[in-house]
Amino acid sequence: MSHEAIMTTVPVLETENYRLRGLREDDASELFGFMRDKNTMKFITPDPVKSETDMWQEIQMQLENFAKRKELPWVIEDKDNGEVIGKFSLHKLSMWHRKAELGVIIREEYQKKGVVTEVLEQIIHYAFDTLELNRIVGDIFAENEGSEKLLKKYGFKEEGTMRQTDFDGKRFHDTVIFSLLKSEYDALQEGR
């Protein structure tokens, strides 16, 4: 299947407990409910969305990026209750360079409960085996020990630290870059 055919709609991906489906305009209210929370967003941005209108505009931007084949935006739903519990994207997507960055936000009450552990495997599989990407990047705040541990669990290699990349209003934060290559992913799959 061609990349053009793949990129006409955001695919539904399923795990045992979660469903990833394409981001929609009508997700603004549910996403705003947790993406406005500073604690939920502490490793993402010091300046979370301020209104449902801002959230809707952010969704519009992501949908425009999808139309330009620069992003695949999903929401994560809990299969038990259908609630939107997070957002996941492959952004900075380049089909020419065959690479993308991971972006994930999980509602606070679902954090540290294995959600990302469960969905990340499905995303990585989709990125390498369906989209045929060669490189996936995860860049995280240096203090984000949980994400660092998770990326390493899936074979991501630390590439380095970008110093003082983000300001939170009080201090600067370093960003640590991790990546996983298709050849590394294949080797890990053969070893299982």
N, C-alpha and C. Protein backbone atom coordinates (compact mmCIF):
# COMPACT_ATOMS: atom_id res chain seq x y z
N MET A 1 0.85 -1.19 0.00
CA MET A 1 0.00 0.00 0.00
C MET A 1 0.89 1.24 0.00
N SER A 2 0.54 2.23 -0.81
CA SER A 2 1.36 3.44 -0.90
C SER A 2 1.18 4.31 0.33
N HIS A 3 2.18 5.17 0.57
CA HIS A 3 2.08 6.10 1.69
C HIS A 3 0.91 7.05 1.52
N GLU A 4 0.60 7.42 0.28
CA GLU A 4 -0.53 8.31 0.03
C GLU A 4 -1.84 7.67 0.47
N ALA A 5 -1.99 6.37 0.19
CA ALA A 5 -3.20 5.67 0.59
C ALA A 5 -3.27 5.54 2.10
N ILE A 6 -2.13 5.29 2.74
CA ILE A 6 -2.09 5.15 4.19
C ILE A 6 -2.47 6.46 4.86
N MET A 7 -2.04 7.57 4.30
CA MET A 7 -2.20 8.87 4.94
C MET A 7 -3.51 9.57 4.61
N THR A 8 -4.50 8.86 4.11
CA THR A 8 -5.79 9.50 3.82
C THR A 8 -6.68 9.57 5.05
N THR A 9 -6.44 8.70 6.01
CA THR A 9 -7.21 8.72 7.24
C THR A 9 -6.32 8.24 8.37
N VAL A 10 -6.55 8.76 9.56
CA VAL A 10 -5.78 8.32 10.72
C VAL A 10 -6.33 6.94 11.10
N PRO A 11 -5.48 5.93 11.11
CA PRO A 11 -5.98 4.58 11.37
C PRO A 11 -6.38 4.38 12.83
N VAL A 12 -7.29 3.47 13.05
CA VAL A 12 -7.64 3.05 14.40
C VAL A 12 -6.66 1.94 14.78
N LEU A 13 -5.99 2.12 15.91
CA LEU A 13 -5.09 1.09 16.44
C LEU A 13 -5.64 0.63 17.77
N GLU A 14 -5.60 -0.66 18.02
CA GLU A 14 -6.16 -1.19 19.26
C GLU A 14 -5.14 -2.01 20.01
N THR A 15 -5.20 -1.90 21.33
CA THR A 15 -4.44 -2.76 22.23
C THR A 15 -5.46 -3.48 23.09
N GLU A 16 -5.00 -4.22 24.06
CA GLU A 16 -5.94 -4.96 24.91
C GLU A 16 -6.93 -4.04 25.61
N ASN A 17 -6.44 -2.90 26.13
CA ASN A 17 -7.28 -2.03 26.96
C ASN A 17 -7.62 -0.67 26.34
N TYR A 18 -6.93 -0.31 25.24
CA TYR A 18 -7.06 1.05 24.71
C TYR A 18 -7.27 1.04 23.21
N ARG A 19 -7.91 2.11 22.76
CA ARG A 19 -8.15 2.32 21.33
C ARG A 19 -7.56 3.69 20.97
N LEU A 20 -6.75 3.71 19.94
CA LEU A 20 -6.25 4.97 19.40
C LEU A 20 -7.05 5.25 18.13
N ARG A 21 -7.72 6.39 18.10
CA ARG A 21 -8.50 6.77 16.92
C ARG A 21 -8.12 8.18 16.54
N GLY A 22 -8.44 8.55 15.32
CA GLY A 22 -8.08 9.87 14.82
C GLY A 22 -8.67 11.00 15.66
N LEU A 23 -7.84 12.00 15.86
CA LEU A 23 -8.26 13.22 16.55
C LEU A 23 -9.36 13.90 15.74
N ARG A 24 -10.38 14.43 16.45
CA ARG A 24 -11.50 15.13 15.79
C ARG A 24 -11.73 16.48 16.46
N GLU A 25 -12.37 17.37 15.74
CA GLU A 25 -12.69 18.70 16.29
C GLU A 25 -13.52 18.59 17.57
N ASP A 26 -14.43 17.62 17.61
CA ASP A 26 -15.31 17.52 18.78
C ASP A 26 -14.61 16.90 20.01
N ASP A 27 -13.30 16.64 19.91
CA ASP A 27 -12.53 16.19 21.07
C ASP A 27 -12.06 17.36 21.94
N ALA A 28 -12.27 18.58 21.48
CA ALA A 28 -11.73 19.75 22.18
C ALA A 28 -12.12 19.81 23.64
N SER A 29 -13.38 19.58 23.95
CA SER A 29 -13.85 19.71 25.33
C SER A 29 -13.18 18.68 26.24
N GLU A 30 -13.17 17.41 25.82
CA GLU A 30 -12.56 16.37 26.67
C GLU A 30 -11.06 16.59 26.82
N LEU A 31 -10.38 16.96 25.73
CA LEU A 31 -8.94 17.18 25.81
C LEU A 31 -8.62 18.40 26.69
N PHE A 32 -9.40 19.45 26.53
CA PHE A 32 -9.18 20.64 27.35
C PHE A 32 -9.31 20.31 28.83
N GLY A 33 -10.21 19.38 29.15
CA GLY A 33 -10.42 18.99 30.54
C GLY A 33 -9.14 18.59 31.27
N PHE A 34 -8.19 17.99 30.56
CA PHE A 34 -6.94 17.62 31.24
C PHE A 34 -5.71 18.33 30.68
N MET A 35 -5.78 18.83 29.46
CA MET A 35 -4.60 19.51 28.89
C MET A 35 -4.43 20.94 29.40
N ARG A 36 -5.38 21.42 30.16
CA ARG A 36 -5.23 22.75 30.78
C ARG A 36 -4.51 22.64 32.12
N ASP A 37 -4.37 21.41 32.63
CA ASP A 37 -3.81 21.16 33.96
C ASP A 37 -2.28 21.22 33.94
N LYS A 38 -1.72 22.14 34.72
CA LYS A 38 -0.25 22.32 34.76
C LYS A 38 0.48 21.07 35.20
N ASN A 39 -0.09 20.33 36.14
CA ASN A 39 0.58 19.12 36.62
C ASN A 39 0.62 18.04 35.53
N THR A 40 -0.49 17.87 34.82
CA THR A 40 -0.54 16.90 33.71
C THR A 40 0.47 17.28 32.65
N MET A 41 0.65 18.57 32.41
CA MET A 41 1.48 19.06 31.30
C MET A 41 2.91 19.39 31.72
N LYS A 42 3.31 19.09 32.94
CA LYS A 42 4.59 19.56 33.47
C LYS A 42 5.80 19.13 32.65
N PHE A 43 5.74 17.98 31.99
CA PHE A 43 6.87 17.54 31.16
C PHE A 43 6.64 17.84 29.68
N ILE A 44 5.57 18.57 29.36
CA ILE A 44 5.24 18.90 27.98
C ILE A 44 5.45 20.38 27.71
N THR A 45 4.78 21.20 28.51
CA THR A 45 4.87 22.65 28.33
C THR A 45 4.55 23.35 29.65
N PRO A 46 5.22 24.45 29.91
CA PRO A 46 4.90 25.22 31.09
C PRO A 46 3.67 26.11 30.88
N ASP A 47 3.16 26.15 29.66
CA ASP A 47 2.07 27.05 29.32
C ASP A 47 0.94 26.28 28.65
N PRO A 48 0.15 25.52 29.45
CA PRO A 48 -0.93 24.73 28.85
C PRO A 48 -2.02 25.60 28.24
N VAL A 49 -2.89 24.95 27.46
CA VAL A 49 -3.98 25.68 26.82
C VAL A 49 -4.84 26.37 27.87
N LYS A 50 -5.34 27.54 27.52
CA LYS A 50 -6.08 28.38 28.47
C LYS A 50 -7.59 28.30 28.31
N SER A 51 -8.04 27.86 27.13
CA SER A 51 -9.48 27.83 26.88
C SER A 51 -9.81 26.70 25.91
N GLU A 52 -11.09 26.37 25.87
CA GLU A 52 -11.54 25.35 24.93
C GLU A 52 -11.33 25.82 23.49
N THR A 53 -11.43 27.13 23.27
CA THR A 53 -11.17 27.68 21.93
C THR A 53 -9.71 27.46 21.54
N ASP A 54 -8.78 27.68 22.50
CA ASP A 54 -7.37 27.41 22.23
C ASP A 54 -7.16 25.94 21.90
N MET A 55 -7.85 25.07 22.61
CA MET A 55 -7.74 23.63 22.38
C MET A 55 -8.24 23.30 20.99
N TRP A 56 -9.36 23.89 20.61
CA TRP A 56 -9.93 23.66 19.29
C TRP A 56 -8.96 24.13 18.21
N GLN A 57 -8.30 25.27 18.43
CA GLN A 57 -7.33 25.78 17.46
C GLN A 57 -6.12 24.85 17.35
N GLU A 58 -5.69 24.30 18.47
CA GLU A 58 -4.58 23.34 18.45
C GLU A 58 -4.96 22.09 17.65
N ILE A 59 -6.19 21.63 17.84
CA ILE A 59 -6.68 20.48 17.08
C ILE A 59 -6.70 20.81 15.59
N GLN A 60 -7.17 22.01 15.24
CA GLN A 60 -7.19 22.43 13.84
C GLN A 60 -5.79 22.38 13.23
N MET A 61 -4.81 22.86 13.99
CA MET A 61 -3.43 22.87 13.51
C MET A 61 -2.95 21.43 13.27
N GLN A 62 -3.26 20.53 14.19
CA GLN A 62 -2.84 19.13 14.03
C GLN A 62 -3.54 18.49 12.83
N LEU A 63 -4.81 18.79 12.63
CA LEU A 63 -5.53 18.23 11.48
C LEU A 63 -4.99 18.79 10.16
N GLU A 64 -4.59 20.06 10.17
CA GLU A 64 -3.95 20.64 8.98
C GLU A 64 -2.60 19.96 8.71
N ASN A 65 -1.85 19.70 9.77
CA ASN A 65 -0.58 18.98 9.61
C ASN A 65 -0.80 17.57 9.07
N PHE A 66 -1.88 16.92 9.51
CA PHE A 66 -2.21 15.60 8.97
C PHE A 66 -2.51 15.71 7.48
N ALA A 67 -3.29 16.70 7.09
CA ALA A 67 -3.63 16.88 5.68
C ALA A 67 -2.37 17.12 4.83
N LYS A 68 -1.35 17.71 5.43
CA LYS A 68 -0.08 17.96 4.73
C LYS A 68 0.89 16.78 4.89
N ARG A 69 0.42 15.70 5.51
CA ARG A 69 1.24 14.50 5.76
C ARG A 69 2.46 14.80 6.65
N LYS A 70 2.25 15.65 7.64
CA LYS A 70 3.31 16.02 8.57
C LYS A 70 3.05 15.51 9.99
N GLU A 71 1.89 14.89 10.20
CA GLU A 71 1.54 14.44 11.54
C GLU A 71 0.42 13.41 11.46
N LEU A 72 0.48 12.45 12.40
CA LEU A 72 -0.63 11.51 12.62
C LEU A 72 -1.10 11.73 14.05
N PRO A 73 -2.27 12.38 14.24
CA PRO A 73 -2.76 12.66 15.60
C PRO A 73 -3.87 11.69 16.03
N TRP A 74 -3.67 11.09 17.19
CA TRP A 74 -4.66 10.18 17.76
C TRP A 74 -5.14 10.70 19.12
N VAL A 75 -6.32 10.26 19.53
CA VAL A 75 -6.70 10.32 20.94
C VAL A 75 -6.69 8.87 21.43
N ILE A 76 -6.46 8.72 22.72
CA ILE A 76 -6.46 7.40 23.34
C ILE A 76 -7.74 7.26 24.15
N GLU A 77 -8.50 6.23 23.84
CA GLU A 77 -9.74 5.96 24.57
C GLU A 77 -9.57 4.71 25.42
N ASP A 78 -10.15 4.74 26.61
CA ASP A 78 -10.23 3.57 27.46
C ASP A 78 -11.36 2.70 26.91
N LYS A 79 -11.07 1.47 26.56
CA LYS A 79 -12.09 0.59 25.97
C LYS A 79 -13.22 0.28 26.95
N ASP A 80 -12.92 0.27 28.25
CA ASP A 80 -13.95 -0.06 29.24
C ASP A 80 -15.05 0.98 29.32
N ASN A 81 -14.67 2.26 29.28
CA ASN A 81 -15.68 3.30 29.47
C ASN A 81 -15.78 4.29 28.31
N GLY A 82 -14.93 4.16 27.30
CA GLY A 82 -14.98 5.04 26.13
C GLY A 82 -14.43 6.43 26.36
N GLU A 83 -13.92 6.70 27.56
CA GLU A 83 -13.40 8.04 27.86
C GLU A 83 -12.10 8.31 27.13
N VAL A 84 -11.91 9.57 26.73
CA VAL A 84 -10.64 10.01 26.17
C VAL A 84 -9.68 10.21 27.34
N ILE A 85 -8.59 9.45 27.33
CA ILE A 85 -7.65 9.51 28.45
C ILE A 85 -6.29 10.06 28.05
N GLY A 86 -6.14 10.36 26.77
CA GLY A 86 -4.85 10.89 26.34
C GLY A 86 -4.82 11.22 24.87
N LYS A 87 -3.66 11.67 24.46
CA LYS A 87 -3.43 12.10 23.09
C LYS A 87 -2.06 11.57 22.70
N PHE A 88 -1.95 11.07 21.48
CA PHE A 88 -0.67 10.55 20.98
C PHE A 88 -0.50 11.05 19.56
N SER A 89 0.72 11.41 19.20
CA SER A 89 0.94 11.80 17.81
C SER A 89 2.32 11.37 17.35
N LEU A 90 2.39 11.11 16.07
CA LEU A 90 3.65 11.05 15.36
C LEU A 90 3.73 12.39 14.65
N HIS A 91 4.56 13.31 15.17
CA HIS A 91 4.64 14.63 14.57
C HIS A 91 6.04 14.86 14.02
N LYS A 92 6.22 16.00 13.38
CA LYS A 92 7.45 16.26 12.62
C LYS A 92 7.70 15.09 11.68
N LEU A 93 6.60 14.57 11.14
CA LEU A 93 6.63 13.41 10.26
C LEU A 93 7.16 13.81 8.89
N SER A 94 8.13 13.06 8.41
CA SER A 94 8.66 13.26 7.07
C SER A 94 8.71 11.91 6.38
N MET A 95 7.86 11.74 5.39
CA MET A 95 7.86 10.49 4.65
C MET A 95 9.10 10.41 3.75
N TRP A 96 9.64 11.53 3.33
CA TRP A 96 10.86 11.53 2.52
C TRP A 96 12.05 11.04 3.35
N HIS A 97 12.22 11.62 4.53
CA HIS A 97 13.34 11.24 5.40
C HIS A 97 13.01 10.00 6.24
N ARG A 98 11.71 9.61 6.20
CA ARG A 98 11.21 8.42 6.89
C ARG A 98 11.50 8.50 8.40
N LYS A 99 11.00 9.59 8.99
CA LYS A 99 11.20 9.78 10.42
C LYS A 99 10.02 10.54 11.03
N ALA A 100 9.91 10.43 12.35
CA ALA A 100 8.87 11.14 13.09
C ALA A 100 9.28 11.23 14.54
N GLU A 101 8.62 12.15 15.26
CA GLU A 101 8.80 12.28 16.71
C GLU A 101 7.53 11.82 17.41
N LEU A 102 7.72 11.25 18.59
CA LEU A 102 6.60 10.84 19.42
C LEU A 102 6.11 12.02 20.25
N GLY A 103 4.82 12.11 20.41
CA GLY A 103 4.22 13.09 21.32
C GLY A 103 3.09 12.43 22.07
N VAL A 104 3.13 12.48 23.39
CA VAL A 104 2.08 11.81 24.17
C VAL A 104 1.73 12.63 25.41
N ILE A 105 0.44 12.67 25.70
CA ILE A 105 -0.07 13.31 26.90
C ILE A 105 -1.14 12.37 27.47
N ILE A 106 -1.01 12.06 28.76
CA ILE A 106 -1.96 11.16 29.42
C ILE A 106 -2.61 11.89 30.59
N ARG A 107 -3.93 11.75 30.67
CA ARG A 107 -4.69 12.34 31.78
C ARG A 107 -4.08 11.89 33.10
N GLU A 108 -4.00 12.80 34.07
CA GLU A 108 -3.26 12.55 35.31
C GLU A 108 -3.68 11.26 36.02
N GLU A 109 -4.97 10.99 36.10
CA GLU A 109 -5.40 9.81 36.85
C GLU A 109 -5.06 8.50 36.14
N TYR A 110 -4.62 8.57 34.87
CA TYR A 110 -4.19 7.38 34.13
C TYR A 110 -2.67 7.28 34.03
N GLN A 111 -1.96 8.28 34.52
CA GLN A 111 -0.51 8.23 34.48
C GLN A 111 0.02 7.16 35.43
N LYS A 112 1.14 6.59 35.06
CA LYS A 112 1.82 5.55 35.86
C LYS A 112 0.95 4.31 36.04
N LYS A 113 0.09 4.04 35.05
CA LYS A 113 -0.77 2.86 35.09
C LYS A 113 -0.52 1.95 33.87
N GLY A 114 0.55 2.22 33.13
CA GLY A 114 0.91 1.36 32.01
C GLY A 114 0.25 1.69 30.68
N VAL A 115 -0.44 2.82 30.59
CA VAL A 115 -1.11 3.18 29.34
C VAL A 115 -0.09 3.32 28.21
N VAL A 116 0.92 4.15 28.42
CA VAL A 116 1.89 4.40 27.36
C VAL A 116 2.68 3.13 27.06
N THR A 117 2.99 2.36 28.08
CA THR A 117 3.68 1.09 27.86
C THR A 117 2.89 0.22 26.89
N GLU A 118 1.58 0.20 27.06
CA GLU A 118 0.73 -0.64 26.21
C GLU A 118 0.57 -0.07 24.80
N VAL A 119 0.37 1.23 24.66
CA VAL A 119 0.11 1.78 23.32
C VAL A 119 1.39 2.02 22.53
N LEU A 120 2.51 2.25 23.21
CA LEU A 120 3.75 2.56 22.49
C LEU A 120 4.18 1.42 21.59
N GLU A 121 4.04 0.19 22.05
CA GLU A 121 4.41 -0.96 21.22
C GLU A 121 3.63 -0.96 19.91
N GLN A 122 2.33 -0.66 19.98
CA GLN A 122 1.48 -0.62 18.79
C GLN A 122 1.90 0.52 17.85
N ILE A 123 2.22 1.68 18.42
CA ILE A 123 2.65 2.84 17.62
C ILE A 123 3.97 2.54 16.92
N ILE A 124 4.92 1.97 17.65
CA ILE A 124 6.23 1.66 17.06
C ILE A 124 6.06 0.67 15.91
N HIS A 125 5.27 -0.37 16.15
CA HIS A 125 5.00 -1.36 15.11
C HIS A 125 4.39 -0.69 13.87
N TYR A 126 3.41 0.16 14.07
CA TYR A 126 2.77 0.85 12.96
C TYR A 126 3.76 1.76 12.22
N ALA A 127 4.56 2.50 12.97
CA ALA A 127 5.51 3.44 12.37
C ALA A 127 6.54 2.72 11.50
N PHE A 128 7.08 1.62 12.00
CA PHE A 128 8.12 0.92 11.24
C PHE A 128 7.56 -0.03 10.18
N ASP A 129 6.53 -0.78 10.52
CA ASP A 129 6.06 -1.82 9.60
C ASP A 129 5.03 -1.35 8.59
N THR A 130 4.22 -0.35 8.93
CA THR A 130 3.22 0.14 7.97
C THR A 130 3.70 1.40 7.27
N LEU A 131 4.14 2.39 8.05
CA LEU A 131 4.62 3.63 7.44
C LEU A 131 6.02 3.48 6.86
N GLU A 132 6.72 2.43 7.26
CA GLU A 132 8.07 2.16 6.79
C GLU A 132 9.05 3.28 7.15
N LEU A 133 8.87 3.82 8.36
CA LEU A 133 9.82 4.83 8.83
C LEU A 133 11.15 4.16 9.16
N ASN A 134 12.19 4.96 9.18
CA ASN A 134 13.52 4.47 9.54
C ASN A 134 13.94 4.93 10.93
N ARG A 135 13.33 6.01 11.43
CA ARG A 135 13.78 6.60 12.69
C ARG A 135 12.58 7.19 13.44
N ILE A 136 12.53 6.89 14.74
CA ILE A 136 11.54 7.50 15.62
C ILE A 136 12.30 8.18 16.75
N VAL A 137 11.89 9.40 17.06
CA VAL A 137 12.56 10.19 18.10
C VAL A 137 11.60 10.43 19.26
N GLY A 138 12.15 10.36 20.45
CA GLY A 138 11.44 10.77 21.65
C GLY A 138 12.32 11.79 22.36
N ASP A 139 11.87 13.04 22.42
CA ASP A 139 12.65 14.03 23.17
C ASP A 139 11.86 14.41 24.41
N ILE A 140 12.55 14.36 25.56
CA ILE A 140 11.87 14.52 26.84
C ILE A 140 12.64 15.48 27.74
N PHE A 141 11.92 16.11 28.66
CA PHE A 141 12.60 16.90 29.68
C PHE A 141 13.51 15.97 30.48
N ALA A 142 14.67 16.47 30.85
CA ALA A 142 15.66 15.66 31.57
C ALA A 142 15.09 15.08 32.87
N GLU A 143 14.15 15.76 33.49
CA GLU A 143 13.58 15.29 34.76
C GLU A 143 12.53 14.20 34.58
N ASN A 144 12.17 13.89 33.36
CA ASN A 144 11.08 12.95 33.09
C ASN A 144 11.62 11.51 33.12
N GLU A 145 11.88 11.03 34.32
CA GLU A 145 12.50 9.71 34.50
C GLU A 145 11.61 8.57 34.02
N GLY A 146 10.31 8.71 34.18
CA GLY A 146 9.38 7.66 33.74
C GLY A 146 9.45 7.45 32.23
N SER A 147 9.45 8.54 31.47
CA SER A 147 9.53 8.42 30.01
C SER A 147 10.89 7.90 29.58
N GLU A 148 11.94 8.33 30.26
CA GLU A 148 13.28 7.83 29.93
C GLU A 148 13.33 6.31 30.10
N LYS A 149 12.82 5.81 31.20
CA LYS A 149 12.83 4.38 31.48
C LYS A 149 12.02 3.63 30.41
N LEU A 150 10.87 4.18 30.04
CA LEU A 150 10.02 3.54 29.04
C LEU A 150 10.69 3.49 27.66
N LEU A 151 11.29 4.61 27.25
CA LEU A 151 11.96 4.64 25.94
C LEU A 151 13.09 3.62 25.90
N LYS A 152 13.85 3.55 26.96
CA LYS A 152 14.96 2.57 27.02
C LYS A 152 14.43 1.14 26.99
N LYS A 153 13.29 0.90 27.63
CA LYS A 153 12.68 -0.43 27.62
C LYS A 153 12.39 -0.89 26.20
N TYR A 154 12.00 0.04 25.34
CA TYR A 154 11.67 -0.29 23.95
C TYR A 154 12.87 -0.17 23.02
N GLY A 155 14.07 -0.02 23.58
CA GLY A 155 15.28 -0.05 22.77
C GLY A 155 15.76 1.30 22.26
N PHE A 156 15.12 2.39 22.68
CA PHE A 156 15.56 3.71 22.26
C PHE A 156 16.95 4.00 22.85
N LYS A 157 17.79 4.62 22.05
CA LYS A 157 19.15 4.97 22.48
C LYS A 157 19.22 6.46 22.76
N GLU A 158 19.92 6.81 23.83
CA GLU A 158 20.11 8.22 24.17
C GLU A 158 21.14 8.83 23.23
N GLU A 159 20.77 9.93 22.58
CA GLU A 159 21.67 10.59 21.63
C GLU A 159 22.39 11.77 22.25
N GLY A 160 21.78 12.39 23.24
CA GLY A 160 22.42 13.53 23.86
C GLY A 160 21.42 14.46 24.51
N THR A 161 21.96 15.51 25.09
CA THR A 161 21.15 16.49 25.81
C THR A 161 21.28 17.85 25.15
N MET A 162 20.13 18.46 24.92
CA MET A 162 20.10 19.86 24.47
C MET A 162 19.89 20.69 25.72
N ARG A 163 20.82 21.57 25.97
CA ARG A 163 20.82 22.31 27.22
C ARG A 163 19.84 23.48 27.20
N GLN A 164 19.09 23.60 28.29
CA GLN A 164 18.20 24.73 28.56
C GLN A 164 17.33 25.11 27.36
N THR A 165 16.61 24.13 26.85
CA THR A 165 15.76 24.35 25.67
C THR A 165 14.41 24.96 25.98
N ASP A 166 13.90 24.76 27.21
CA ASP A 166 12.55 25.21 27.54
C ASP A 166 12.55 25.97 28.86
N PHE A 167 11.79 27.05 28.88
CA PHE A 167 11.67 27.90 30.06
C PHE A 167 10.27 27.75 30.62
N ASP A 168 10.14 27.54 31.93
CA ASP A 168 8.83 27.34 32.53
C ASP A 168 8.31 28.55 33.30
N GLY A 169 8.96 29.68 33.12
CA GLY A 169 8.57 30.88 33.85
C GLY A 169 9.45 31.12 35.05
N LYS A 170 10.13 30.07 35.52
CA LYS A 170 11.02 30.18 36.68
C LYS A 170 12.43 29.70 36.36
N ARG A 171 12.53 28.61 35.59
CA ARG A 171 13.86 28.08 35.27
C ARG A 171 13.86 27.41 33.90
N PHE A 172 15.04 27.14 33.40
CA PHE A 172 15.21 26.47 32.12
C PHE A 172 15.34 24.96 32.32
N HIS A 173 14.88 24.20 31.34
CA HIS A 173 14.94 22.74 31.39
C HIS A 173 15.76 22.21 30.22
N ASP A 174 16.57 21.18 30.50
CA ASP A 174 17.28 20.48 29.44
C ASP A 174 16.35 19.46 28.80
N THR A 175 16.61 19.15 27.53
CA THR A 175 15.86 18.14 26.80
C THR A 175 16.82 17.02 26.40
N VAL A 176 16.43 15.78 26.68
CA VAL A 176 17.24 14.62 26.32
C VAL A 176 16.60 13.97 25.09
N ILE A 177 17.43 13.68 24.08
CA ILE A 177 16.96 13.11 22.81
C ILE A 177 17.24 11.61 22.80
N PHE A 178 16.20 10.84 22.49
CA PHE A 178 16.31 9.39 22.32
C PHE A 178 15.83 9.04 20.91
N SER A 179 16.39 7.97 20.33
CA SER A 179 15.89 7.54 19.03
C SER A 179 15.94 6.02 18.92
N LEU A 180 15.11 5.52 18.04
CA LEU A 180 15.07 4.10 17.71
C LEU A 180 15.08 4.01 16.19
N LEU A 181 15.98 3.20 15.65
CA LEU A 181 16.08 2.99 14.21
C LEU A 181 15.38 1.70 13.82
N LYS A 182 14.95 1.63 12.58
CA LYS A 182 14.27 0.43 12.06
C LYS A 182 15.15 -0.80 12.23
N SER A 183 16.44 -0.69 11.96
CA SER A 183 17.34 -1.85 12.09
C SER A 183 17.41 -2.32 13.54
N GLU A 184 17.39 -1.40 14.49
CA GLU A 184 17.40 -1.77 15.91
C GLU A 184 16.09 -2.45 16.32
N TYR A 185 15.00 -1.89 15.81
CA TYR A 185 13.68 -2.48 16.07
C TYR A 185 13.61 -3.90 15.52
N ASP A 186 14.08 -4.09 14.28
CA ASP A 186 14.07 -5.43 13.67
C ASP A 186 14.89 -6.41 14.49
N ALA A 187 16.06 -5.98 14.94
CA ALA A 187 16.92 -6.86 15.74
C ALA A 187 16.23 -7.24 17.05
N LEU A 188 15.54 -6.28 17.67
CA LEU A 188 14.81 -6.57 18.91
C LEU A 188 13.67 -7.56 18.66
N GLN A 189 12.98 -7.42 17.51
CA GLN A 189 11.87 -8.32 17.18
C GLN A 189 12.38 -9.75 16.95
N GLU A 190 13.54 -9.87 16.31
CA GLU A 190 14.12 -11.20 16.06
C GLU A 190 14.54 -11.85 17.36
N GLY A 191 14.95 -11.05 18.34
CA GLY A 191 15.42 -11.57 19.63
C GLY A 191 14.31 -12.01 20.56
N ARG A 192 13.07 -11.70 20.21
CA ARG A 192 11.92 -12.04 21.09
C ARG A 192 11.41 -13.44 20.84
